[in-house]
């Protein structure tokens, strides 16, 4: 999987989790990011999961995985 394909897969997971996260119990967002990453076959570090989960929980809006993870897509 190329870096671009990996980022596209991560963004798809982020978009899915962001769409329903409002009101989710703490920790659920990170769990769903892990589950989604597993489903699409992308390995993500605990740090990547934490950073994305924090951004999703704090913004309550569209989140760019590339921006949060410091990579261009």
N, C-alpha and C. Protein backbone atom coordinates (compact mmCIF):
# COMPACT_ATOMS: atom_id res chain seq x y z
N UNK A 1 0.85 -1.17 0.00
CA UNK A 1 0.00 0.00 0.00
C UNK A 1 0.90 1.24 0.00
N UNK A 2 0.62 2.15 -0.91
CA UNK A 2 1.42 3.38 -0.97
C UNK A 2 1.02 4.32 0.17
N UNK A 3 1.83 5.33 0.40
CA UNK A 3 1.53 6.32 1.44
C UNK A 3 0.21 7.03 1.14
N UNK A 4 -0.04 7.34 -0.12
CA UNK A 4 -1.29 7.99 -0.50
C UNK A 4 -2.49 7.08 -0.26
N UNK A 5 -2.35 5.81 -0.61
CA UNK A 5 -3.44 4.85 -0.38
C UNK A 5 -3.70 4.69 1.12
N UNK A 6 -2.63 4.66 1.90
CA UNK A 6 -2.78 4.55 3.36
C UNK A 6 -3.54 5.75 3.90
N UNK A 7 -3.16 6.95 3.46
CA UNK A 7 -3.82 8.16 3.95
C UNK A 7 -5.28 8.20 3.51
N UNK A 8 -5.58 7.76 2.29
CA UNK A 8 -6.96 7.69 1.82
C UNK A 8 -7.78 6.74 2.69
N UNK A 9 -7.21 5.60 3.04
CA UNK A 9 -7.90 4.63 3.89
C UNK A 9 -8.13 5.21 5.28
N UNK A 10 -7.11 5.86 5.84
CA UNK A 10 -7.26 6.47 7.16
C UNK A 10 -8.33 7.56 7.10
N UNK A 11 -8.34 8.38 6.05
CA UNK A 11 -9.34 9.44 5.93
C UNK A 11 -10.74 8.85 5.88
N UNK A 12 -10.93 7.74 5.18
CA UNK A 12 -12.24 7.10 5.11
C UNK A 12 -12.70 6.67 6.50
N UNK A 13 -11.79 6.12 7.28
CA UNK A 13 -12.11 5.72 8.65
C UNK A 13 -12.46 6.95 9.49
N UNK A 14 -11.65 7.99 9.39
CA UNK A 14 -11.90 9.23 10.14
C UNK A 14 -13.27 9.81 9.77
N UNK A 15 -13.60 9.83 8.50
CA UNK A 15 -14.89 10.36 8.06
C UNK A 15 -16.04 9.56 8.65
N UNK A 16 -15.90 8.25 8.65
CA UNK A 16 -16.96 7.40 9.20
C UNK A 16 -17.13 7.63 10.69
N UNK A 17 -16.03 7.68 11.43
CA UNK A 17 -16.10 7.87 12.88
C UNK A 17 -16.63 9.27 13.20
N UNK A 18 -16.19 10.28 12.46
CA UNK A 18 -16.63 11.65 12.70
C UNK A 18 -18.14 11.79 12.51
N UNK A 19 -18.71 11.04 11.58
CA UNK A 19 -20.12 11.18 11.25
C UNK A 19 -21.05 10.81 12.40
N UNK A 20 -20.60 9.97 13.33
CA UNK A 20 -21.49 9.57 14.42
C UNK A 20 -20.94 9.86 15.80
N UNK A 21 -19.79 10.48 15.94
CA UNK A 21 -19.10 10.58 17.22
C UNK A 21 -19.78 11.46 18.25
N UNK A 22 -20.61 12.44 17.86
CA UNK A 22 -21.23 13.32 18.85
C UNK A 22 -21.96 12.52 19.91
N UNK A 23 -21.62 12.77 21.14
CA UNK A 23 -22.26 12.10 22.26
C UNK A 23 -21.70 10.72 22.58
N UNK A 24 -20.70 10.29 21.85
CA UNK A 24 -20.11 8.97 22.11
C UNK A 24 -19.33 9.03 23.43
N UNK A 25 -19.38 7.95 24.21
CA UNK A 25 -18.61 7.92 25.46
C UNK A 25 -17.12 8.07 25.19
N UNK A 26 -16.42 8.65 26.15
CA UNK A 26 -14.97 8.84 26.01
C UNK A 26 -14.30 7.50 25.74
N UNK A 27 -13.39 7.48 24.82
CA UNK A 27 -12.69 6.25 24.46
C UNK A 27 -13.30 5.54 23.27
N UNK A 28 -14.58 5.80 23.01
CA UNK A 28 -15.25 5.13 21.90
C UNK A 28 -14.65 5.54 20.56
N UNK A 29 -14.32 6.82 20.42
CA UNK A 29 -13.76 7.31 19.15
C UNK A 29 -12.46 6.58 18.84
N UNK A 30 -11.57 6.49 19.82
CA UNK A 30 -10.30 5.79 19.61
C UNK A 30 -10.53 4.32 19.29
N UNK A 31 -11.46 3.69 19.99
CA UNK A 31 -11.77 2.29 19.72
C UNK A 31 -12.28 2.10 18.30
N UNK A 32 -13.15 3.00 17.86
CA UNK A 32 -13.70 2.89 16.51
C UNK A 32 -12.65 3.18 15.44
N UNK A 33 -11.73 4.09 15.73
CA UNK A 33 -10.62 4.32 14.79
C UNK A 33 -9.78 3.07 14.64
N UNK A 34 -9.48 2.41 15.76
CA UNK A 34 -8.71 1.16 15.71
C UNK A 34 -9.45 0.09 14.92
N UNK A 35 -10.73 -0.05 15.21
CA UNK A 35 -11.54 -1.07 14.54
C UNK A 35 -11.60 -0.78 13.03
N UNK A 36 -11.83 0.47 12.68
CA UNK A 36 -11.89 0.84 11.27
C UNK A 36 -10.57 0.62 10.55
N UNK A 37 -9.47 0.96 11.21
CA UNK A 37 -8.15 0.74 10.62
C UNK A 37 -7.92 -0.75 10.37
N UNK A 38 -8.31 -1.57 11.33
CA UNK A 38 -8.18 -3.02 11.15
C UNK A 38 -9.01 -3.50 9.95
N UNK A 39 -10.24 -2.97 9.84
CA UNK A 39 -11.13 -3.38 8.75
C UNK A 39 -10.57 -3.05 7.38
N UNK A 40 -9.89 -1.91 7.26
CA UNK A 40 -9.35 -1.52 5.96
C UNK A 40 -7.90 -1.96 5.78
N UNK A 41 -7.34 -2.64 6.78
CA UNK A 41 -5.99 -3.19 6.67
C UNK A 41 -4.88 -2.17 6.79
N UNK A 42 -5.09 -1.14 7.61
CA UNK A 42 -4.09 -0.10 7.79
C UNK A 42 -3.59 -0.15 9.23
N UNK A 43 -2.27 -0.20 9.39
CA UNK A 43 -1.70 -0.14 10.73
C UNK A 43 -1.56 1.31 11.14
N UNK A 44 -2.01 1.61 12.36
CA UNK A 44 -1.88 2.96 12.91
C UNK A 44 -1.28 2.85 14.29
N UNK A 45 -0.36 3.75 14.59
CA UNK A 45 0.27 3.75 15.91
C UNK A 45 -0.71 4.28 16.95
N UNK A 46 -0.44 3.98 18.22
CA UNK A 46 -1.26 4.52 19.30
C UNK A 46 -1.26 6.04 19.27
N UNK A 47 -0.12 6.64 18.92
CA UNK A 47 -0.03 8.10 18.83
C UNK A 47 -0.93 8.63 17.72
N UNK A 48 -0.94 7.98 16.57
CA UNK A 48 -1.81 8.42 15.48
C UNK A 48 -3.28 8.32 15.89
N UNK A 49 -3.64 7.22 16.52
CA UNK A 49 -5.01 7.04 16.99
C UNK A 49 -5.37 8.14 17.98
N UNK A 50 -4.50 8.40 18.95
CA UNK A 50 -4.77 9.41 19.98
C UNK A 50 -4.94 10.79 19.36
N UNK A 51 -4.04 11.15 18.45
CA UNK A 51 -4.11 12.48 17.83
C UNK A 51 -5.39 12.65 17.02
N UNK A 52 -5.75 11.63 16.25
CA UNK A 52 -6.98 11.71 15.47
C UNK A 52 -8.21 11.74 16.37
N UNK A 53 -8.23 10.90 17.40
CA UNK A 53 -9.37 10.87 18.32
C UNK A 53 -9.54 12.21 19.02
N UNK A 54 -8.45 12.79 19.48
CA UNK A 54 -8.51 14.10 20.13
C UNK A 54 -9.09 15.14 19.19
N UNK A 55 -8.63 15.14 17.96
CA UNK A 55 -9.11 16.14 16.99
C UNK A 55 -10.59 15.93 16.69
N UNK A 56 -11.01 14.69 16.50
CA UNK A 56 -12.42 14.40 16.23
C UNK A 56 -13.28 14.84 17.41
N UNK A 57 -12.86 14.51 18.62
CA UNK A 57 -13.65 14.85 19.81
C UNK A 57 -13.69 16.36 20.05
N UNK A 58 -12.63 17.07 19.72
CA UNK A 58 -12.57 18.51 19.98
C UNK A 58 -13.23 19.36 18.90
N UNK A 59 -13.17 18.93 17.65
CA UNK A 59 -13.64 19.78 16.55
C UNK A 59 -15.11 19.62 16.26
N UNK A 60 -15.67 18.45 16.42
CA UNK A 60 -17.07 18.19 16.07
C UNK A 60 -17.37 18.65 14.64
N UNK A 61 -16.41 18.47 13.76
CA UNK A 61 -16.55 18.85 12.35
C UNK A 61 -15.62 17.97 11.54
N UNK A 62 -15.58 18.23 10.24
CA UNK A 62 -14.71 17.45 9.37
C UNK A 62 -13.26 17.56 9.83
N UNK A 63 -12.57 16.44 9.82
CA UNK A 63 -11.17 16.37 10.25
C UNK A 63 -10.34 15.83 9.09
N UNK A 64 -9.24 16.50 8.81
CA UNK A 64 -8.31 16.04 7.77
C UNK A 64 -7.23 15.19 8.43
N UNK A 65 -7.23 13.91 8.12
CA UNK A 65 -6.22 13.02 8.68
C UNK A 65 -4.82 13.48 8.30
N UNK A 66 -4.65 13.92 7.07
CA UNK A 66 -3.33 14.37 6.60
C UNK A 66 -2.84 15.56 7.41
N UNK A 67 -3.73 16.50 7.72
CA UNK A 67 -3.34 17.67 8.52
C UNK A 67 -2.99 17.27 9.95
N UNK A 68 -3.81 16.43 10.55
CA UNK A 68 -3.59 16.02 11.93
C UNK A 68 -2.30 15.22 12.06
N UNK A 69 -2.05 14.36 11.10
CA UNK A 69 -0.88 13.50 11.16
C UNK A 69 0.35 14.14 10.53
N UNK A 70 0.19 15.36 10.02
CA UNK A 70 1.33 16.09 9.49
C UNK A 70 1.86 15.58 8.18
N UNK A 71 0.96 15.05 7.36
CA UNK A 71 1.36 14.52 6.05
C UNK A 71 0.45 15.08 4.99
N UNK A 72 0.99 15.30 3.84
CA UNK A 72 0.14 15.73 2.72
C UNK A 72 -0.47 14.51 2.06
N UNK A 73 -1.66 14.69 1.52
CA UNK A 73 -2.31 13.56 0.86
C UNK A 73 -2.11 13.59 -0.63
